[in-house]
PDB file of all heavy atoms in Angstrom:
ATOM      1  N   MET A   1      -7.318  -8.660  -8.330  1.00  0.00           N
ATOM      2  CA  MET A   1      -7.605  -9.796  -9.201  1.00  0.00           C
ATOM      3  C   MET A   1      -8.394  -9.310 -10.414  1.00  0.00           C
ATOM      4  O   MET A   1      -9.476  -8.755 -10.270  1.00  0.00           O
ATOM      5  CB  MET A   1      -8.403 -10.841  -8.441  1.00  0.00           C
ATOM      6  CG  MET A   1      -8.694 -12.058  -9.235  1.00  0.00           C
ATOM      7  SD  MET A   1      -8.981 -13.444  -8.131  1.00  0.00           S
ATOM      8  CE  MET A   1      -9.657 -14.587  -9.265  1.00  0.00           C
ATOM      9  N   LYS A   2      -7.825  -9.502 -11.591  1.00  0.00           N
ATOM     10  CA  LYS A   2      -8.477  -9.049 -12.814  1.00  0.00           C
ATOM     11  C   LYS A   2      -9.666  -9.931 -13.174  1.00  0.00           C
ATOM     12  O   LYS A   2      -9.647 -11.133 -12.944  1.00  0.00           O
ATOM     13  CB  LYS A   2      -7.498  -9.083 -13.985  1.00  0.00           C
ATOM     14  CG  LYS A   2      -6.511  -7.970 -13.998  1.00  0.00           C
ATOM     15  CD  LYS A   2      -5.750  -7.971 -15.310  1.00  0.00           C
ATOM     16  CE  LYS A   2      -4.852  -6.770 -15.371  1.00  0.00           C
ATOM     17  NZ  LYS A   2      -4.293  -6.562 -16.682  1.00  0.00           N
ATOM     18  N   THR A   3     -10.675  -9.298 -13.771  1.00  0.00           N
ATOM     19  CA  THR A   3     -11.783 -10.022 -14.374  1.00  0.00           C
ATOM     20  C   THR A   3     -11.426 -10.193 -15.843  1.00  0.00           C
ATOM     21  O   THR A   3     -11.058  -9.229 -16.508  1.00  0.00           O
ATOM     22  CB  THR A   3     -13.094  -9.225 -14.246  1.00  0.00           C
ATOM     23  OG1 THR A   3     -13.377  -9.018 -12.862  1.00  0.00           O
ATOM     24  CG2 THR A   3     -14.250  -9.966 -14.896  1.00  0.00           C
ATOM     25  N   SER A   4     -11.505 -11.416 -16.346  1.00  0.00           N
ATOM     26  CA  SER A   4     -11.148 -11.670 -17.742  1.00  0.00           C
ATOM     27  C   SER A   4     -12.396 -12.031 -18.544  1.00  0.00           C
ATOM     28  O   SER A   4     -13.195 -12.861 -18.128  1.00  0.00           O
ATOM     29  CB  SER A   4     -10.093 -12.773 -17.831  1.00  0.00           C
ATOM     30  OG  SER A   4     -10.520 -13.921 -17.155  1.00  0.00           O
ATOM     31  N   ILE A   5     -12.527 -11.361 -19.702  1.00  0.00           N
ATOM     32  CA  ILE A   5     -13.732 -11.488 -20.518  1.00  0.00           C
ATOM     33  C   ILE A   5     -13.341 -11.793 -21.956  1.00  0.00           C
ATOM     34  O   ILE A   5     -12.501 -11.108 -22.546  1.00  0.00           O
ATOM     35  CB  ILE A   5     -14.563 -10.200 -20.449  1.00  0.00           C
ATOM     36  CG1 ILE A   5     -15.020  -9.998 -19.003  1.00  0.00           C
ATOM     37  CG2 ILE A   5     -15.737 -10.259 -21.409  1.00  0.00           C
ATOM     38  CD1 ILE A   5     -15.604  -8.664 -18.708  1.00  0.00           C
ATOM     39  N   LEU A   6     -13.965 -12.835 -22.512  1.00  0.00           N
ATOM     40  CA  LEU A   6     -13.733 -13.237 -23.895  1.00  0.00           C
ATOM     41  C   LEU A   6     -15.052 -13.152 -24.651  1.00  0.00           C
ATOM     42  O   LEU A   6     -16.043 -13.779 -24.264  1.00  0.00           O
ATOM     43  CB  LEU A   6     -13.189 -14.675 -23.953  1.00  0.00           C
ATOM     44  CG  LEU A   6     -12.869 -15.211 -25.345  1.00  0.00           C
ATOM     45  CD1 LEU A   6     -11.691 -14.448 -25.969  1.00  0.00           C
ATOM     46  CD2 LEU A   6     -12.553 -16.705 -25.281  1.00  0.00           C
ATOM     47  N   PHE A   7     -15.073 -12.354 -25.714  1.00  0.00           N
ATOM     48  CA  PHE A   7     -16.244 -12.231 -26.581  1.00  0.00           C
ATOM     49  C   PHE A   7     -16.083 -13.208 -27.738  1.00  0.00           C
ATOM     50  O   PHE A   7     -15.007 -13.288 -28.334  1.00  0.00           O
ATOM     51  CB  PHE A   7     -16.357 -10.804 -27.124  1.00  0.00           C
ATOM     52  CG  PHE A   7     -16.523  -9.764 -26.052  1.00  0.00           C
ATOM     53  CD1 PHE A   7     -15.448  -9.019 -25.623  1.00  0.00           C
ATOM     54  CD2 PHE A   7     -17.760  -9.539 -25.478  1.00  0.00           C
ATOM     55  CE1 PHE A   7     -15.591  -8.059 -24.633  1.00  0.00           C
ATOM     56  CE2 PHE A   7     -17.920  -8.583 -24.483  1.00  0.00           C
ATOM     57  CZ  PHE A   7     -16.832  -7.839 -24.060  1.00  0.00           C
ATOM     58  N   VAL A   8     -17.158 -13.940 -28.074  1.00  0.00           N
ATOM     59  CA  VAL A   8     -17.046 -14.992 -29.094  1.00  0.00           C
ATOM     60  C   VAL A   8     -18.189 -14.909 -30.110  1.00  0.00           C
ATOM     61  O   VAL A   8     -19.361 -14.831 -29.743  1.00  0.00           O
ATOM     62  CB  VAL A   8     -17.056 -16.393 -28.436  1.00  0.00           C
ATOM     63  CG1 VAL A   8     -16.889 -17.475 -29.491  1.00  0.00           C
ATOM     64  CG2 VAL A   8     -15.967 -16.511 -27.378  1.00  0.00           C
ATOM     65  N   CYS A   9     -17.798 -14.939 -31.388  1.00  0.00           N
ATOM     66  CA  CYS A   9     -18.768 -15.106 -32.473  1.00  0.00           C
ATOM     67  C   CYS A   9     -18.226 -16.189 -33.395  1.00  0.00           C
ATOM     68  O   CYS A   9     -17.328 -16.938 -33.001  1.00  0.00           O
ATOM     69  CB  CYS A   9     -19.036 -13.784 -33.208  1.00  0.00           C
ATOM     70  SG  CYS A   9     -17.664 -13.117 -34.169  1.00  0.00           S
ATOM     71  N   MET A  10     -18.721 -16.293 -34.598  1.00  0.00           N
ATOM     72  CA  MET A  10     -18.325 -17.391 -35.469  1.00  0.00           C
ATOM     73  C   MET A  10     -16.901 -17.235 -36.011  1.00  0.00           C
ATOM     74  O   MET A  10     -16.054 -18.091 -35.830  1.00  0.00           O
ATOM     75  CB  MET A  10     -19.308 -17.551 -36.623  1.00  0.00           C
ATOM     76  CG  MET A  10     -18.996 -18.749 -37.501  1.00  0.00           C
ATOM     77  SD  MET A  10     -20.205 -19.008 -38.806  1.00  0.00           S
ATOM     78  CE  MET A  10     -21.633 -19.440 -37.838  1.00  0.00           C
ATOM     79  N   GLY A  11     -16.625 -16.126 -36.706  1.00  0.00           N
ATOM     80  CA  GLY A  11     -15.326 -15.979 -37.358  1.00  0.00           C
ATOM     81  C   GLY A  11     -14.398 -14.970 -36.721  1.00  0.00           C
ATOM     82  O   GLY A  11     -13.265 -14.822 -37.151  1.00  0.00           O
ATOM     83  N   ASN A  12     -14.887 -14.248 -35.718  1.00  0.00           N
ATOM     84  CA  ASN A  12     -14.096 -13.241 -34.999  1.00  0.00           C
ATOM     85  C   ASN A  12     -13.675 -12.086 -35.903  1.00  0.00           C
ATOM     86  O   ASN A  12     -12.591 -11.538 -35.779  1.00  0.00           O
ATOM     87  CB  ASN A  12     -12.887 -13.899 -34.318  1.00  0.00           C
ATOM     88  CG  ASN A  12     -12.185 -13.003 -33.302  1.00  0.00           C
ATOM     89  OD1 ASN A  12     -10.970 -13.080 -33.161  1.00  0.00           O
ATOM     90  ND2 ASN A  12     -12.907 -12.168 -32.588  1.00  0.00           N
ATOM     91  N   ILE A  13     -14.589 -11.699 -36.838  1.00  0.00           N
ATOM     92  CA  ILE A  13     -14.302 -10.526 -37.665  1.00  0.00           C
ATOM     93  C   ILE A  13     -15.418  -9.485 -37.642  1.00  0.00           C
ATOM     94  O   ILE A  13     -15.228  -8.380 -38.154  1.00  0.00           O
ATOM     95  CB  ILE A  13     -13.979 -10.902 -39.132  1.00  0.00           C
ATOM     96  CG1 ILE A  13     -15.144 -11.625 -39.782  1.00  0.00           C
ATOM     97  CG2 ILE A  13     -12.671 -11.676 -39.225  1.00  0.00           C
ATOM     98  CD1 ILE A  13     -15.046 -11.719 -41.301  1.00  0.00           C
ATOM     99  N   CYS A  14     -16.568  -9.803 -37.071  1.00  0.00           N
ATOM    100  CA  CYS A  14     -17.669  -8.831 -37.046  1.00  0.00           C
ATOM    101  C   CYS A  14     -18.098  -8.507 -35.618  1.00  0.00           C
ATOM    102  O   CYS A  14     -17.731  -7.474 -35.066  1.00  0.00           O
ATOM    103  CB  CYS A  14     -18.874  -9.348 -37.839  1.00  0.00           C
ATOM    104  SG  CYS A  14     -18.586  -9.496 -39.613  1.00  0.00           S
ATOM    105  N   ARG A  15     -18.868  -9.385 -35.022  1.00  0.00           N
ATOM    106  CA  ARG A  15     -19.493  -9.085 -33.731  1.00  0.00           C
ATOM    107  C   ARG A  15     -18.530  -9.097 -32.555  1.00  0.00           C
ATOM    108  O   ARG A  15     -18.519  -8.171 -31.736  1.00  0.00           O
ATOM    109  CB  ARG A  15     -20.644 -10.066 -33.474  1.00  0.00           C
ATOM    110  CG  ARG A  15     -21.765  -9.914 -34.479  1.00  0.00           C
ATOM    111  CD  ARG A  15     -22.764 -11.031 -34.362  1.00  0.00           C
ATOM    112  NE  ARG A  15     -22.183 -12.284 -34.850  1.00  0.00           N
ATOM    113  CZ  ARG A  15     -22.779 -13.460 -34.758  1.00  0.00           C
ATOM    114  NH1 ARG A  15     -23.957 -13.570 -34.164  1.00  0.00           N
ATOM    115  NH2 ARG A  15     -22.198 -14.544 -35.247  1.00  0.00           N
ATOM    116  N   SER A  16     -17.722 -10.141 -32.427  1.00  0.00           N
ATOM    117  CA  SER A  16     -16.858 -10.218 -31.241  1.00  0.00           C
ATOM    118  C   SER A  16     -15.755  -9.157 -31.240  1.00  0.00           C
ATOM    119  O   SER A  16     -15.477  -8.589 -30.179  1.00  0.00           O
ATOM    120  CB  SER A  16     -16.307 -11.630 -31.035  1.00  0.00           C
ATOM    121  OG  SER A  16     -15.613 -12.107 -32.154  1.00  0.00           O
ATOM    122  N   PRO A  17     -15.136  -8.808 -32.385  1.00  0.00           N
ATOM    123  CA  PRO A  17     -14.182  -7.705 -32.310  1.00  0.00           C
ATOM    124  C   PRO A  17     -14.870  -6.367 -32.046  1.00  0.00           C
ATOM    125  O   PRO A  17     -14.299  -5.497 -31.378  1.00  0.00           O
ATOM    126  CB  PRO A  17     -13.465  -7.718 -33.660  1.00  0.00           C
ATOM    127  CG  PRO A  17     -14.293  -8.546 -34.553  1.00  0.00           C
ATOM    128  CD  PRO A  17     -15.105  -9.463 -33.696  1.00  0.00           C
ATOM    129  N   ALA A  18     -16.093  -6.199 -32.546  1.00  0.00           N
ATOM    130  CA  ALA A  18     -16.844  -4.979 -32.228  1.00  0.00           C
ATOM    131  C   ALA A  18     -17.080  -4.903 -30.722  1.00  0.00           C
ATOM    132  O   ALA A  18     -16.877  -3.856 -30.097  1.00  0.00           O
ATOM    133  CB  ALA A  18     -18.168  -4.945 -32.986  1.00  0.00           C
ATOM    134  N   ALA A  19     -17.480  -6.019 -30.126  1.00  0.00           N
ATOM    135  CA  ALA A  19     -17.706  -6.049 -28.679  1.00  0.00           C
ATOM    136  C   ALA A  19     -16.408  -5.774 -27.923  1.00  0.00           C
ATOM    137  O   ALA A  19     -16.396  -5.026 -26.939  1.00  0.00           O
ATOM    138  CB  ALA A  19     -18.292  -7.395 -28.265  1.00  0.00           C
ATOM    139  N   GLU A  20     -15.315  -6.361 -28.385  1.00  0.00           N
ATOM    140  CA  GLU A  20     -14.029  -6.124 -27.742  1.00  0.00           C
ATOM    141  C   GLU A  20     -13.655  -4.644 -27.803  1.00  0.00           C
ATOM    142  O   GLU A  20     -13.237  -4.047 -26.803  1.00  0.00           O
ATOM    143  CB  GLU A  20     -12.928  -6.969 -28.395  1.00  0.00           C
ATOM    144  CG  GLU A  20     -11.577  -6.786 -27.750  1.00  0.00           C
ATOM    145  CD  GLU A  20     -10.467  -7.628 -28.367  1.00  0.00           C
ATOM    146  OE1 GLU A  20     -10.737  -8.465 -29.256  1.00  0.00           O
ATOM    147  OE2 GLU A  20      -9.306  -7.443 -27.935  1.00  0.00           O
ATOM    148  N   GLY A  21     -13.819  -4.025 -28.962  1.00  0.00           N
ATOM    149  CA  GLY A  21     -13.489  -2.608 -29.117  1.00  0.00           C
ATOM    150  C   GLY A  21     -14.366  -1.699 -28.273  1.00  0.00           C
ATOM    151  O   GLY A  21     -13.874  -0.769 -27.628  1.00  0.00           O
ATOM    152  N   VAL A  22     -15.660  -1.963 -28.269  1.00  0.00           N
ATOM    153  CA  VAL A  22     -16.599  -1.178 -27.460  1.00  0.00           C
ATOM    154  C   VAL A  22     -16.269  -1.334 -25.978  1.00  0.00           C
ATOM    155  O   VAL A  22     -16.178  -0.346 -25.238  1.00  0.00           O
ATOM    156  CB  VAL A  22     -18.060  -1.605 -27.740  1.00  0.00           C
ATOM    157  CG1 VAL A  22     -19.011  -1.047 -26.687  1.00  0.00           C
ATOM    158  CG2 VAL A  22     -18.483  -1.174 -29.143  1.00  0.00           C
ATOM    159  N   PHE A  23     -16.069  -2.574 -25.545  1.00  0.00           N
ATOM    160  CA  PHE A  23     -15.813  -2.813 -24.131  1.00  0.00           C
ATOM    161  C   PHE A  23     -14.484  -2.203 -23.696  1.00  0.00           C
ATOM    162  O   PHE A  23     -14.379  -1.621 -22.609  1.00  0.00           O
ATOM    163  CB  PHE A  23     -15.873  -4.312 -23.820  1.00  0.00           C
ATOM    164  CG  PHE A  23     -15.926  -4.614 -22.362  1.00  0.00           C
ATOM    165  CD1 PHE A  23     -16.959  -4.146 -21.570  1.00  0.00           C
ATOM    166  CD2 PHE A  23     -14.943  -5.382 -21.768  1.00  0.00           C
ATOM    167  CE1 PHE A  23     -17.015  -4.423 -20.204  1.00  0.00           C
ATOM    168  CE2 PHE A  23     -14.979  -5.668 -20.415  1.00  0.00           C
ATOM    169  CZ  PHE A  23     -16.029  -5.185 -19.630  1.00  0.00           C
ATOM    170  N   ARG A  24     -13.464  -2.300 -24.529  1.00  0.00           N
ATOM    171  CA  ARG A  24     -12.172  -1.676 -24.204  1.00  0.00           C
ATOM    172  C   ARG A  24     -12.352  -0.176 -23.960  1.00  0.00           C
ATOM    173  O   ARG A  24     -11.817   0.385 -23.001  1.00  0.00           O
ATOM    174  CB  ARG A  24     -11.158  -1.878 -25.329  1.00  0.00           C
ATOM    175  CG  ARG A  24     -10.538  -3.237 -25.361  1.00  0.00           C
ATOM    176  CD  ARG A  24      -9.434  -3.305 -26.431  1.00  0.00           C
ATOM    177  NE  ARG A  24      -9.026  -4.665 -26.661  1.00  0.00           N
ATOM    178  CZ  ARG A  24      -8.144  -5.325 -25.912  1.00  0.00           C
ATOM    179  NH1 ARG A  24      -7.603  -4.732 -24.882  1.00  0.00           N
ATOM    180  NH2 ARG A  24      -7.826  -6.571 -26.193  1.00  0.00           N
ATOM    181  N   ALA A  25     -13.099   0.479 -24.848  1.00  0.00           N
ATOM    182  CA  ALA A  25     -13.325   1.924 -24.712  1.00  0.00           C
ATOM    183  C   ALA A  25     -14.106   2.244 -23.436  1.00  0.00           C
ATOM    184  O   ALA A  25     -13.780   3.204 -22.723  1.00  0.00           O
ATOM    185  CB  ALA A  25     -14.062   2.457 -25.938  1.00  0.00           C
ATOM    186  N   MET A  26     -15.119   1.450 -23.136  1.00  0.00           N
ATOM    187  CA  MET A  26     -15.915   1.688 -21.930  1.00  0.00           C
ATOM    188  C   MET A  26     -15.104   1.441 -20.662  1.00  0.00           C
ATOM    189  O   MET A  26     -15.227   2.176 -19.682  1.00  0.00           O
ATOM    190  CB  MET A  26     -17.166   0.811 -21.936  1.00  0.00           C
ATOM    191  CG  MET A  26     -18.187   1.229 -22.948  1.00  0.00           C
ATOM    192  SD  MET A  26     -19.664   0.179 -22.834  1.00  0.00           S
ATOM    193  CE  MET A  26     -20.736   1.011 -24.005  1.00  0.00           C
ATOM    194  N   VAL A  27     -14.275   0.414 -20.685  1.00  0.00           N
ATOM    195  CA  VAL A  27     -13.425   0.100 -19.535  1.00  0.00           C
ATOM    196  C   VAL A  27     -12.420   1.231 -19.316  1.00  0.00           C
ATOM    197  O   VAL A  27     -12.182   1.658 -18.183  1.00  0.00           O
ATOM    198  CB  VAL A  27     -12.721  -1.260 -19.740  1.00  0.00           C
ATOM    199  CG1 VAL A  27     -11.544  -1.439 -18.812  1.00  0.00           C
ATOM    200  CG2 VAL A  27     -13.731  -2.394 -19.563  1.00  0.00           C
ATOM    201  N   LYS A  28     -11.849   1.740 -20.407  1.00  0.00           N
ATOM    202  CA  LYS A  28     -10.902   2.855 -20.298  1.00  0.00           C
ATOM    203  C   LYS A  28     -11.603   4.088 -19.738  1.00  0.00           C
ATOM    204  O   LYS A  28     -11.080   4.755 -18.839  1.00  0.00           O
ATOM    205  CB  LYS A  28     -10.294   3.159 -21.666  1.00  0.00           C
ATOM    206  CG  LYS A  28      -9.264   4.254 -21.630  1.00  0.00           C
ATOM    207  CD  LYS A  28      -8.609   4.460 -22.978  1.00  0.00           C
ATOM    208  CE  LYS A  28      -7.518   5.524 -22.850  1.00  0.00           C
ATOM    209  NZ  LYS A  28      -6.807   5.724 -24.107  1.00  0.00           N
ATOM    210  N   SER A  29     -12.782   4.385 -20.258  1.00  0.00           N
ATOM    211  CA  SER A  29     -13.552   5.545 -19.796  1.00  0.00           C
ATOM    212  C   SER A  29     -13.912   5.429 -18.313  1.00  0.00           C
ATOM    213  O   SER A  29     -13.964   6.434 -17.603  1.00  0.00           O
ATOM    214  CB  SER A  29     -14.822   5.681 -20.641  1.00  0.00           C
ATOM    215  OG  SER A  29     -15.591   6.755 -20.194  1.00  0.00           O
ATOM    216  N   ALA A  30     -14.136   4.214 -17.846  1.00  0.00           N
ATOM    217  CA  ALA A  30     -14.493   3.970 -16.439  1.00  0.00           C
ATOM    218  C   ALA A  30     -13.254   3.842 -15.548  1.00  0.00           C
ATOM    219  O   ALA A  30     -13.370   3.583 -14.353  1.00  0.00           O
ATOM    220  CB  ALA A  30     -15.344   2.712 -16.332  1.00  0.00           C
ATOM    221  N   ASN A  31     -12.064   4.013 -16.154  1.00  0.00           N
ATOM    222  CA  ASN A  31     -10.797   3.903 -15.430  1.00  0.00           C
ATOM    223  C   ASN A  31     -10.647   2.533 -14.754  1.00  0.00           C
ATOM    224  O   ASN A  31     -10.205   2.440 -13.615  1.00  0.00           O
ATOM    225  CB  ASN A  31     -10.647   5.038 -14.415  1.00  0.00           C
ATOM    226  CG  ASN A  31      -9.218   5.250 -13.991  1.00  0.00           C
ATOM    227  OD1 ASN A  31      -8.287   4.939 -14.735  1.00  0.00           O
ATOM    228  ND2 ASN A  31      -9.017   5.763 -12.794  1.00  0.00           N
ATOM    229  N   LEU A  32     -11.031   1.485 -15.477  1.00  0.00           N
ATOM    230  CA  LEU A  32     -10.957   0.122 -14.959  1.00  0.00           C
ATOM    231  C   LEU A  32      -9.959  -0.745 -15.726  1.00  0.00           C
ATOM    232  O   LEU A  32      -9.962  -1.962 -15.593  1.00  0.00           O
ATOM    233  CB  LEU A  32     -12.343  -0.535 -15.011  1.00  0.00           C
ATOM    234  CG  LEU A  32     -13.394   0.022 -14.058  1.00  0.00           C
ATOM    235  CD1 LEU A  32     -14.782  -0.500 -14.428  1.00  0.00           C
ATOM    236  CD2 LEU A  32     -13.054  -0.318 -12.624  1.00  0.00           C
ATOM    237  N   GLU A  33      -9.106  -0.131 -16.511  1.00  0.00           N
ATOM    238  CA  GLU A  33      -8.181  -0.896 -17.353  1.00  0.00           C
ATOM    239  C   GLU A  33      -7.318  -1.876 -16.567  1.00  0.00           C
ATOM    240  O   GLU A  33      -7.030  -2.966 -17.053  1.00  0.00           O
ATOM    241  CB  GLU A  33      -7.284   0.049 -18.153  1.00  0.00           C
ATOM    242  CG  GLU A  33      -8.022   0.785 -19.245  1.00  0.00           C
ATOM    243  CD  GLU A  33      -7.159   1.834 -19.907  1.00  0.00           C
ATOM    244  OE1 GLU A  33      -6.793   2.807 -19.229  1.00  0.00           O
ATOM    245  OE2 GLU A  33      -6.852   1.660 -21.105  1.00  0.00           O
ATOM    246  N   SER A  34      -6.922  -1.502 -15.374  1.00  0.00           N
ATOM    247  CA  SER A  34      -6.071  -2.394 -14.581  1.00  0.00           C
ATOM    248  C   SER A  34      -6.856  -3.539 -13.955  1.00  0.00           C
ATOM    249  O   SER A  34      -6.277  -4.476 -13.411  1.00  0.00           O
ATOM    250  CB  SER A  34      -5.352  -1.606 -13.476  1.00  0.00           C
ATOM    251  OG  SER A  34      -6.298  -1.095 -12.556  1.00  0.00           O
ATOM    252  N   GLU A  35      -8.175  -3.501 -14.074  1.00  0.00           N
ATOM    253  CA  GLU A  35      -9.041  -4.487 -13.433  1.00  0.00           C
ATOM    254  C   GLU A  35      -9.564  -5.566 -14.369  1.00  0.00           C
ATOM    255  O   GLU A  35     -10.235  -6.498 -13.930  1.00  0.00           O
ATOM    256  CB  GLU A  35     -10.252  -3.792 -12.787  1.00  0.00           C
ATOM    257  CG  GLU A  35      -9.900  -2.691 -11.817  1.00  0.00           C
ATOM    258  CD  GLU A  35      -9.107  -3.189 -10.626  1.00  0.00           C
ATOM    259  OE1 GLU A  35      -9.288  -4.357 -10.223  1.00  0.00           O
ATOM    260  OE2 GLU A  35      -8.290  -2.413 -10.101  1.00  0.00           O
TER     261      GLU A  35
END
């Protein structure tokens, strides 16, 4: 069962996409992409 995470800021061009990019990289590094 996947855990689903949504990052939210005001316009979705600064903070939340940065969080999405950082988290994607960390998840990949932790070999949790399928989770």
